[in-house]
Amino acid sequence: MFVGTNLTNIRILHGYTRKQLADMLEITEQSVWQYENGYMSPKLEVVNELKKIFRVKSKYFYSEDFLNKNGKSNIQQGHIAYRAQIINSAQKT
């Protein structure tokens, strides 16, 4: 099963917006959003393009993040500015 959070993480890590990634993949920005949020899984052709863009194996998009799975992280969360996912969900509704 495609893990959308992995796509979100690697997209942000490379500094791409959803629109920029969508243009590279020749798909809609809404499709990228759906992949990232788990509403839809990309076709094999799209996954192959993602592999080329981010220089990873396709396995990366189908396996849960190792650090998240074990509850460990090398990143100090106090140094990250982010908006909580629950706040985003509340604003959408």
PDB file of N, CA and C in Angstrom:
ATOM      1  N   MET A   1       0.838  -1.179   0.000  1.00  0.00           N
ATOM      2  CA  MET A   1       0.000   0.000   0.000  1.00  0.00           C
ATOM      3  C   MET A   1       0.890   1.252   0.000  1.00  0.00           C
ATOM      4  N   PHE A   2       0.542   2.216  -0.818  1.00  0.00           N
ATOM      5  CA  PHE A   2       1.296   3.458  -0.954  1.00  0.00           C
ATOM      6  C   PHE A   2       1.180   4.280   0.329  1.00  0.00           C
ATOM      7  N   VAL A   3       2.326   4.751   0.854  1.00  0.00           N
ATOM      8  CA  VAL A   3       2.351   5.549   2.082  1.00  0.00           C
ATOM      9  C   VAL A   3       2.529   7.016   1.683  1.00  0.00           C
ATOM     10  N   GLY A   4       1.433   7.765   1.754  1.00  0.00           N
ATOM     11  CA  GLY A   4       1.427   9.146   1.309  1.00  0.00           C
ATOM     12  C   GLY A   4       2.316  10.070   2.115  1.00  0.00           C
ATOM     13  N   THR A   5       2.483   9.784   3.411  1.00  0.00           N
ATOM     14  CA  THR A   5       3.324  10.659   4.230  1.00  0.00           C
ATOM     15  C   THR A   5       4.780  10.605   3.768  1.00  0.00           C
ATOM     16  N   ASN A   6       5.200   9.477   3.214  1.00  0.00           N
ATOM     17  CA  ASN A   6       6.558   9.398   2.674  1.00  0.00           C
ATOM     18  C   ASN A   6       6.718  10.340   1.482  1.00  0.00           C
ATOM     19  N   LEU A   7       5.688  10.420   0.648  1.00  0.00           N
ATOM     20  CA  LEU A   7       5.729  11.340  -0.487  1.00  0.00           C
ATOM     21  C   LEU A   7       5.762  12.783   0.008  1.00  0.00           C
ATOM     22  N   THR A   8       4.938  13.094   0.992  1.00  0.00           N
ATOM     23  CA  THR A   8       4.923  14.448   1.552  1.00  0.00           C
ATOM     24  C   THR A   8       6.290  14.811   2.104  1.00  0.00           C
ATOM     25  N   ASN A   9       6.872  13.917   2.888  1.00  0.00           N
ATOM     26  CA  ASN A   9       8.168  14.187   3.516  1.00  0.00           C
ATOM     27  C   ASN A   9       9.271  14.420   2.489  1.00  0.00           C
ATOM     28  N   ILE A  10       9.353  13.569   1.489  1.00  0.00           N
ATOM     29  CA  ILE A  10      10.435  13.705   0.511  1.00  0.00           C
ATOM     30  C   ILE A  10      10.201  14.913  -0.398  1.00  0.00           C
ATOM     31  N   ARG A  11       8.940  15.229  -0.665  1.00  0.00           N
ATOM     32  CA  ARG A  11       8.636  16.414  -1.477  1.00  0.00           C
ATOM     33  C   ARG A  11       9.084  17.679  -0.745  1.00  0.00           C
ATOM     34  N   ILE A  12       8.761  17.782   0.529  1.00  0.00           N
ATOM     35  CA  ILE A  12       9.140  18.942   1.329  1.00  0.00           C
ATOM     36  C   ILE A  12      10.651  18.992   1.494  1.00  0.00           C
ATOM     37  N   LEU A  13      11.267  17.836   1.711  1.00  0.00           N
ATOM     38  CA  LEU A  13      12.716  17.767   1.865  1.00  0.00           C
ATOM     39  C   LEU A  13      13.442  18.320   0.633  1.00  0.00           C
ATOM     40  N   HIS A  14      12.889  18.066  -0.538  1.00  0.00           N
ATOM     41  CA  HIS A  14      13.490  18.560  -1.779  1.00  0.00           C
ATOM     42  C   HIS A  14      13.036  19.981  -2.119  1.00  0.00           C
ATOM     43  N   GLY A  15      12.117  20.536  -1.330  1.00  0.00           N
ATOM     44  CA  GLY A  15      11.698  21.920  -1.529  1.00  0.00           C
ATOM     45  C   GLY A  15      10.689  22.137  -2.645  1.00  0.00           C
ATOM     46  N   TYR A  16       9.948  21.097  -3.010  1.00  0.00           N
ATOM     47  CA  TYR A  16       8.944  21.218  -4.062  1.00  0.00           C
ATOM     48  C   TYR A  16       7.567  21.491  -3.465  1.00  0.00           C
ATOM     49  N   THR A  17       6.793  22.305  -4.147  1.00  0.00           N
ATOM     50  CA  THR A  17       5.388  22.468  -3.790  1.00  0.00           C
ATOM     51  C   THR A  17       4.608  21.348  -4.475  1.00  0.00           C
ATOM     52  N   ARG A  18       3.375  21.174  -4.081  1.00  0.00           N
ATOM     53  CA  ARG A  18       2.550  20.168  -4.761  1.00  0.00           C
ATOM     54  C   ARG A  18       2.389  20.528  -6.233  1.00  0.00           C
ATOM     55  N   LYS A  19       2.227  21.803  -6.508  1.00  0.00           N
ATOM     56  CA  LYS A  19       2.052  22.259  -7.888  1.00  0.00           C
ATOM     57  C   LYS A  19       3.288  21.948  -8.721  1.00  0.00           C
ATOM     58  N   GLN A  20       4.476  22.219  -8.179  1.00  0.00           N
ATOM     59  CA  GLN A  20       5.708  21.936  -8.914  1.00  0.00           C
ATOM     60  C   GLN A  20       5.854  20.450  -9.209  1.00  0.00           C
ATOM     61  N   LEU A  21       5.562  19.620  -8.198  1.00  0.00           N
ATOM     62  CA  LEU A  21       5.658  18.175  -8.391  1.00  0.00           C
ATOM     63  C   LEU A  21       4.630  17.700  -9.409  1.00  0.00           C
ATOM     64  N   ALA A  22       3.429  18.238  -9.331  1.00  0.00           N
ATOM     65  CA  ALA A  22       2.378  17.865 -10.282  1.00  0.00           C
ATOM     66  C   ALA A  22       2.793  18.212 -11.704  1.00  0.00           C
ATOM     67  N   ASP A  23       3.405  19.372 -11.888  1.00  0.00           N
ATOM     68  CA  ASP A  23       3.864  19.764 -13.225  1.00  0.00           C
ATOM     69  C   ASP A  23       4.946  18.816 -13.738  1.00  0.00           C
ATOM     70  N   MET A  24       5.854  18.396 -12.855  1.00  0.00           N
ATOM     71  CA  MET A  24       6.903  17.456 -13.263  1.00  0.00           C
ATOM     72  C   MET A  24       6.321  16.105 -13.657  1.00  0.00           C
ATOM     73  N   LEU A  25       5.266  15.693 -12.955  1.00  0.00           N
ATOM     74  CA  LEU A  25       4.648  14.396 -13.215  1.00  0.00           C
ATOM     75  C   LEU A  25       3.583  14.460 -14.305  1.00  0.00           C
ATOM     76  N   GLU A  26       3.257  15.682 -14.727  1.00  0.00           N
ATOM     77  CA  GLU A  26       2.203  15.916 -15.715  1.00  0.00           C
ATOM     78  C   GLU A  26       0.858  15.366 -15.251  1.00  0.00           C
ATOM     79  N   ILE A  27       0.542  15.653 -13.978  1.00  0.00           N
ATOM     80  CA  ILE A  27      -0.746  15.311 -13.387  1.00  0.00           C
ATOM     81  C   ILE A  27      -1.268  16.561 -12.683  1.00  0.00           C
ATOM     82  N   THR A  28      -2.441  16.470 -12.083  1.00  0.00           N
ATOM     83  CA  THR A  28      -3.006  17.634 -11.398  1.00  0.00           C
ATOM     84  C   THR A  28      -2.458  17.742  -9.979  1.00  0.00           C
ATOM     85  N   GLU A  29      -2.493  18.949  -9.463  1.00  0.00           N
ATOM     86  CA  GLU A  29      -2.075  19.185  -8.081  1.00  0.00           C
ATOM     87  C   GLU A  29      -2.987  18.415  -7.122  1.00  0.00           C
ATOM     88  N   GLN A  30      -4.254  18.304  -7.474  1.00  0.00           N
ATOM     89  CA  GLN A  30      -5.208  17.565  -6.657  1.00  0.00           C
ATOM     90  C   GLN A  30      -4.816  16.090  -6.552  1.00  0.00           C
ATOM     91  N   SER A  31      -4.288  15.525  -7.614  1.00  0.00           N
ATOM     92  CA  SER A  31      -3.846  14.124  -7.577  1.00  0.00           C
ATOM     93  C   SER A  31      -2.708  13.950  -6.576  1.00  0.00           C
ATOM     94  N   VAL A  32      -1.748  14.882  -6.592  1.00  0.00           N
ATOM     95  CA  VAL A  32      -0.637  14.804  -5.633  1.00  0.00           C
ATOM     96  C   VAL A  32      -1.188  14.881  -4.224  1.00  0.00           C
ATOM     97  N   TRP A  33      -2.140  15.780  -3.986  1.00  0.00           N
ATOM     98  CA  TRP A  33      -2.754  15.917  -2.668  1.00  0.00           C
ATOM     99  C   TRP A  33      -3.425  14.602  -2.258  1.00  0.00           C
ATOM    100  N   GLN A  34      -4.137  13.973  -3.189  1.00  0.00           N
ATOM    101  CA  GLN A  34      -4.814  12.711  -2.895  1.00  0.00           C
ATOM    102  C   GLN A  34      -3.823  11.597  -2.576  1.00  0.00           C
ATOM    103  N   TYR A  35      -2.697  11.557  -3.270  1.00  0.00           N
ATOM    104  CA  TYR A  35      -1.662  10.563  -2.970  1.00  0.00           C
ATOM    105  C   TYR A  35      -1.115  10.784  -1.568  1.00  0.00           C
ATOM    106  N   GLU A  36      -0.816  12.021  -1.240  1.00  0.00           N
ATOM    107  CA  GLU A  36      -0.216  12.343   0.053  1.00  0.00           C
ATOM    108  C   GLU A  36      -1.162  12.064   1.221  1.00  0.00           C
ATOM    109  N   ASN A  37      -2.441  12.234   1.012  1.00  0.00           N
ATOM    110  CA  ASN A  37      -3.413  12.058   2.086  1.00  0.00           C
ATOM    111  C   ASN A  37      -4.090  10.700   2.088  1.00  0.00           C
ATOM    112  N   GLY A  38      -3.651   9.809   1.214  1.00  0.00           N
ATOM    113  CA  GLY A  38      -4.126   8.431   1.228  1.00  0.00           C
ATOM    114  C   GLY A  38      -5.493   8.202   0.620  1.00  0.00           C
ATOM    115  N   TYR A  39      -5.995   9.155  -0.149  1.00  0.00           N
ATOM    116  CA  TYR A  39      -7.294   8.971  -0.798  1.00  0.00           C
ATOM    117  C   TYR A  39      -7.182   8.170  -2.078  1.00  0.00           C
ATOM    118  N   MET A  40      -5.976   8.144  -2.634  1.00  0.00           N
ATOM    119  CA  MET A  40      -5.768   7.462  -3.896  1.00  0.00           C
ATOM    120  C   MET A  40      -4.318   6.998  -3.975  1.00  0.00           C
ATOM    121  N   SER A  41      -4.074   5.895  -4.643  1.00  0.00           N
ATOM    122  CA  SER A  41      -2.699   5.426  -4.867  1.00  0.00           C
ATOM    123  C   SER A  41      -2.309   5.727  -6.312  1.00  0.00           C
ATOM    124  N   PRO A  42      -1.071   6.154  -6.523  1.00  0.00           N
ATOM    125  CA  PRO A  42      -0.652   6.475  -7.887  1.00  0.00           C
ATOM    126  C   PRO A  42      -0.475   5.228  -8.747  1.00  0.00           C
ATOM    127  N   LYS A  43      -0.607   5.436 -10.034  1.00  0.00           N
ATOM    128  CA  LYS A  43      -0.355   4.356 -10.990  1.00  0.00           C
ATOM    129  C   LYS A  43       1.137   4.049 -10.999  1.00  0.00           C
ATOM    130  N   LEU A  44       1.480   2.896 -11.518  1.00  0.00           N
ATOM    131  CA  LEU A  44       2.868   2.456 -11.576  1.00  0.00           C
ATOM    132  C   LEU A  44       3.750   3.444 -12.348  1.00  0.00           C
ATOM    133  N   GLU A  45       3.206   4.027 -13.412  1.00  0.00           N
ATOM    134  CA  GLU A  45       3.971   4.990 -14.209  1.00  0.00           C
ATOM    135  C   GLU A  45       4.345   6.215 -13.375  1.00  0.00           C
ATOM    136  N   VAL A  46       3.410   6.658 -12.521  1.00  0.00           N
ATOM    137  CA  VAL A  46       3.660   7.819 -11.663  1.00  0.00           C
ATOM    138  C   VAL A  46       4.713   7.480 -10.611  1.00  0.00           C
ATOM    139  N   VAL A  47       4.615   6.290 -10.037  1.00  0.00           N
ATOM    140  CA  VAL A  47       5.602   5.862  -9.046  1.00  0.00           C
ATOM    141  C   VAL A  47       6.988   5.798  -9.677  1.00  0.00           C
ATOM    142  N   ASN A  48       7.077   5.311 -10.912  1.00  0.00           N
ATOM    143  CA  ASN A  48       8.363   5.258 -11.609  1.00  0.00           C
ATOM    144  C   ASN A  48       8.943   6.658 -11.826  1.00  0.00           C
ATOM    145  N   GLU A  49       8.079   7.624 -12.132  1.00  0.00           N
ATOM    146  CA  GLU A  49       8.551   9.004 -12.288  1.00  0.00           C
ATOM    147  C   GLU A  49       8.999   9.577 -10.941  1.00  0.00           C
ATOM    148  N   LEU A  50       8.278   9.252  -9.873  1.00  0.00           N
ATOM    149  CA  LEU A  50       8.667   9.707  -8.530  1.00  0.00           C
ATOM    150  C   LEU A  50      10.046   9.161  -8.163  1.00  0.00           C
ATOM    151  N   LYS A  51      10.287   7.895  -8.503  1.00  0.00           N
ATOM    152  CA  LYS A  51      11.604   7.290  -8.254  1.00  0.00           C
ATOM    153  C   LYS A  51      12.705   8.082  -8.931  1.00  0.00           C
ATOM    154  N   LYS A  52      12.473   8.467 -10.169  1.00  0.00           N
ATOM    155  CA  LYS A  52      13.483   9.210 -10.924  1.00  0.00           C
ATOM    156  C   LYS A  52      13.706  10.606 -10.342  1.00  0.00           C
ATOM    157  N   ILE A  53      12.612  11.272  -9.995  1.00  0.00           N
ATOM    158  CA  ILE A  53      12.705  12.646  -9.476  1.00  0.00           C
ATOM    159  C   ILE A  53      13.461  12.688  -8.153  1.00  0.00           C
ATOM    160  N   PHE A  54      13.107  11.768  -7.243  1.00  0.00           N
ATOM    161  CA  PHE A  54      13.683  11.808  -5.894  1.00  0.00           C
ATOM    162  C   PHE A  54      14.868  10.864  -5.711  1.00  0.00           C
ATOM    163  N   ARG A  55      15.195  10.080  -6.735  1.00  0.00           N
ATOM    164  CA  ARG A  55      16.324   9.144  -6.704  1.00  0.00           C
ATOM    165  C   ARG A  55      16.219   8.164  -5.524  1.00  0.00           C
ATOM    166  N   VAL A  56      15.071   7.525  -5.428  1.00  0.00           N
ATOM    167  CA  VAL A  56      14.853   6.500  -4.411  1.00  0.00           C
ATOM    168  C   VAL A  56      14.306   5.249  -5.101  1.00  0.00           C
ATOM    169  N   LYS A  57      14.293   4.152  -4.377  1.00  0.00           N
ATOM    170  CA  LYS A  57      13.674   2.934  -4.882  1.00  0.00           C
ATOM    171  C   LYS A  57      12.171   3.032  -4.632  1.00  0.00           C
ATOM    172  N   SER A  58      11.400   2.333  -5.436  1.00  0.00           N
ATOM    173  CA  SER A  58       9.943   2.386  -5.280  1.00  0.00           C
ATOM    174  C   SER A  58       9.515   1.870  -3.905  1.00  0.00           C
ATOM    175  N   LYS A  59      10.332   1.018  -3.311  1.00  0.00           N
ATOM    176  CA  LYS A  59      10.054   0.478  -1.979  1.00  0.00           C
ATOM    177  C   LYS A  59       9.857   1.598  -0.954  1.00  0.00           C
ATOM    178  N   TYR A  60      10.546   2.726  -1.159  1.00  0.00           N
ATOM    179  CA  TYR A  60      10.440   3.854  -0.235  1.00  0.00           C
ATOM    180  C   TYR A  60       8.989   4.309  -0.069  1.00  0.00           C
ATOM    181  N   PHE A  61       8.229   4.308  -1.149  1.00  0.00           N
ATOM    182  CA  PHE A  61       6.856   4.800  -1.113  1.00  0.00           C
ATOM    183  C   PHE A  61       5.856   3.780  -0.574  1.00  0.00           C
ATOM    184  N   TYR A  62       6.298   2.539  -0.415  1.00  0.00           N
ATOM    185  CA  TYR A  62       5.386   1.488   0.028  1.00  0.00           C
ATOM    186  C   TYR A  62       5.709   0.937   1.414  1.00  0.00           C
ATOM    187  N   SER A  63       6.709   1.495   2.075  1.00  0.00           N
ATOM    188  CA  SER A  63       7.048   1.009   3.410  1.00  0.00           C
ATOM    189  C   SER A  63       6.944   2.148   4.414  1.00  0.00           C
ATOM    190  N   GLU A  64       6.491   1.796   5.596  1.00  0.00           N
ATOM    191  CA  GLU A  64       6.349   2.791   6.654  1.00  0.00           C
ATOM    192  C   GLU A  64       7.726   3.286   7.071  1.00  0.00           C
ATOM    193  N   ASP A  65       7.799   4.563   7.403  1.00  0.00           N
ATOM    194  CA  ASP A  65       9.059   5.162   7.830  1.00  0.00           C
ATOM    195  C   ASP A  65       9.597   4.409   9.042  1.00  0.00           C
ATOM    196  N   PHE A  66      10.830   3.929   8.957  1.00  0.00           N
ATOM    197  CA  PHE A  66      11.432   3.110  10.007  1.00  0.00           C
ATOM    198  C   PHE A  66      11.463   3.833  11.344  1.00  0.00           C
ATOM    199  N   LEU A  67      11.865   5.099  11.340  1.00  0.00           N
ATOM    200  CA  LEU A  67      11.958   5.839  12.601  1.00  0.00           C
ATOM    201  C   LEU A  67      10.590   6.062  13.221  1.00  0.00           C
ATOM    202  N   ASN A  68       9.596   6.376  12.409  1.00  0.00           N
ATOM    203  CA  ASN A  68       8.242   6.554  12.933  1.00  0.00           C
ATOM    204  C   ASN A  68       7.691   5.245  13.489  1.00  0.00           C
ATOM    205  N   LYS A  69       7.973   4.150  12.801  1.00  0.00           N
ATOM    206  CA  LYS A  69       7.449   2.842  13.201  1.00  0.00           C
ATOM    207  C   LYS A  69       7.966   2.440  14.577  1.00  0.00           C
ATOM    208  N   ASN A  70       9.197   2.787  14.880  1.00  0.00           N
ATOM    209  CA  ASN A  70       9.789   2.415  16.156  1.00  0.00           C
ATOM    210  C   ASN A  70       9.703   3.513  17.203  1.00  0.00           C
ATOM    211  N   GLY A  71       9.020   4.602  16.867  1.00  0.00           N
ATOM    212  CA  GLY A  71       8.841   5.685  17.823  1.00  0.00           C
ATOM    213  C   GLY A  71      10.113   6.456  18.130  1.00  0.00           C
ATOM    214  N   LYS A  72      11.090   6.359  17.247  1.00  0.00           N
ATOM    215  CA  LYS A  72      12.352   7.063  17.442  1.00  0.00           C
ATOM    216  C   LYS A  72      12.486   8.135  16.377  1.00  0.00           C
ATOM    217  N   SER A  73      13.259   9.162  16.696  1.00  0.00           N
ATOM    218  CA  SER A  73      13.498  10.202  15.716  1.00  0.00           C
ATOM    219  C   SER A  73      14.830  10.872  15.988  1.00  0.00           C
ATOM    220  N   ASN A  74      15.546  11.204  14.937  1.00  0.00           N
ATOM    221  CA  ASN A  74      16.804  11.927  15.067  1.00  0.00           C
ATOM    222  C   ASN A  74      16.586  13.430  15.031  1.00  0.00           C
ATOM    223  N   ILE A  75      15.348  13.840  14.821  1.00  0.00           N
ATOM    224  CA  ILE A  75      15.028  15.255  14.680  1.00  0.00           C
ATOM    225  C   ILE A  75      14.462  15.781  15.986  1.00  0.00           C
ATOM    226  N   GLN A  76      15.009  16.899  16.459  1.00  0.00           N
ATOM    227  CA  GLN A  76      14.480  17.533  17.660  1.00  0.00           C
ATOM    228  C   GLN A  76      13.277  18.371  17.264  1.00  0.00           C
ATOM    229  N   GLN A  77      12.111  17.996  17.745  1.00  0.00           N
ATOM    230  CA  GLN A  77      10.892  18.655  17.309  1.00  0.00           C
ATOM    231  C   GLN A  77      10.812  20.110  17.761  1.00  0.00           C
ATOM    232  N   GLY A  78      11.546  20.487  18.762  1.00  0.00           N
ATOM    233  CA  GLY A  78      11.558  21.869  19.207  1.00  0.00           C
ATOM    234  C   GLY A  78      12.153  22.816  18.179  1.00  0.00           C
ATOM    235  N   HIS A  79      12.869  22.277  17.202  1.00  0.00           N
ATOM    236  CA  HIS A  79      13.523  23.082  16.176  1.00  0.00           C
ATOM    237  C   HIS A  79      12.711  23.151  14.888  1.00  0.00           C
ATOM    238  N   ILE A  80      11.514  22.596  14.908  1.00  0.00           N
ATOM    239  CA  ILE A  80      10.699  22.546  13.703  1.00  0.00           C
ATOM    240  C   ILE A  80       9.471  23.436  13.882  1.00  0.00           C
ATOM    241  N   ALA A  81       9.214  24.276  12.907  1.00  0.00           N
ATOM    242  CA  ALA A  81       7.997  25.088  12.903  1.00  0.00           C
ATOM    243  C   ALA A  81       6.988  24.380  12.013  1.00  0.00           C
ATOM    244  N   TYR A  82       5.872  23.995  12.564  1.00  0.00           N
ATOM    245  CA  TYR A  82       4.863  23.302  11.780  1.00  0.00           C
ATOM    246  C   TYR A  82       3.491  23.590  12.365  1.00  0.00           C
ATOM    247  N   ARG A  83       2.487  23.311  11.582  1.00  0.00           N
ATOM    248  CA  ARG A  83       1.114  23.457  12.033  1.00  0.00           C
ATOM    249  C   ARG A  83       0.582  22.056  12.303  1.00  0.00           C
ATOM    250  N   ALA A  84      -0.002  21.871  13.468  1.00  0.00           N
ATOM    251  CA  ALA A  84      -0.516  20.560  13.848  1.00  0.00           C
ATOM    252  C   ALA A  84      -1.563  20.095  12.849  1.00  0.00           C
ATOM    253  N   GLN A  85      -1.563  18.814  12.571  1.00  0.00           N
ATOM    254  CA  GLN A  85      -2.483  18.254  11.589  1.00  0.00           C
ATOM    255  C   GLN A  85      -3.932  18.420  12.035  1.00  0.00           C
ATOM    256  N   ILE A  86      -4.180  18.363  13.336  1.00  0.00           N
ATOM    257  CA  ILE A  86      -5.545  18.501  13.833  1.00  0.00           C
ATOM    258  C   ILE A  86      -6.082  19.911  13.574  1.00  0.00           C
ATOM    259  N   ILE A  87      -5.207  20.917  13.649  1.00  0.00           N
ATOM    260  CA  ILE A  87      -5.624  22.297  13.372  1.00  0.00           C
ATOM    261  C   ILE A  87      -5.993  22.421  11.897  1.00  0.00           C
ATOM    262  N   ASN A  88      -5.199  21.844  11.026  1.00  0.00           N
ATOM    263  CA  ASN A  88      -5.506  21.881   9.598  1.00  0.00           C
ATOM    264  C   ASN A  88      -6.851  21.232   9.322  1.00  0.00           C
ATOM    265  N   SER A  89      -7.120  20.096   9.955  1.00  0.00           N
ATOM    266  CA  SER A  89      -8.379  19.391   9.740  1.00  0.00           C
ATOM    267  C   SER A  89      -9.552  20.227  10.247  1.00  0.00           C
ATOM    268  N   ALA A  90      -9.387  20.877  11.388  1.00  0.00           N
ATOM    269  CA  ALA A  90     -10.456  21.703  11.943  1.00  0.00           C
ATOM    270  C   ALA A  90     -10.749  22.883  11.027  1.00  0.00           C
ATOM    271  N   GLN A  91      -9.721  23.469  10.441  1.00  0.00           N
ATOM    272  CA  GLN A  91      -9.923  24.607   9.548  1.00  0.00           C
ATOM    273  C   GLN A  91     -10.620  24.176   8.263  1.00  0.00           C
ATOM    274  N   LYS A  92     -10.338  23.006   7.773  1.00  0.00           N
ATOM    275  CA  LYS A  92     -10.956  22.527   6.546  1.00  0.00           C
ATOM    276  C   LYS A  92     -12.453  22.322   6.735  1.00  0.00           C
ATOM    277  N   THR A  93     -12.839  21.852   7.925  1.00  0.00           N
ATOM    278  CA  THR A  93     -14.249  21.598   8.155  1.00  0.00           C
ATOM    279  C   THR A  93     -14.953  22.886   8.479  1.00  0.00           C
TER     280      THR A  93
END
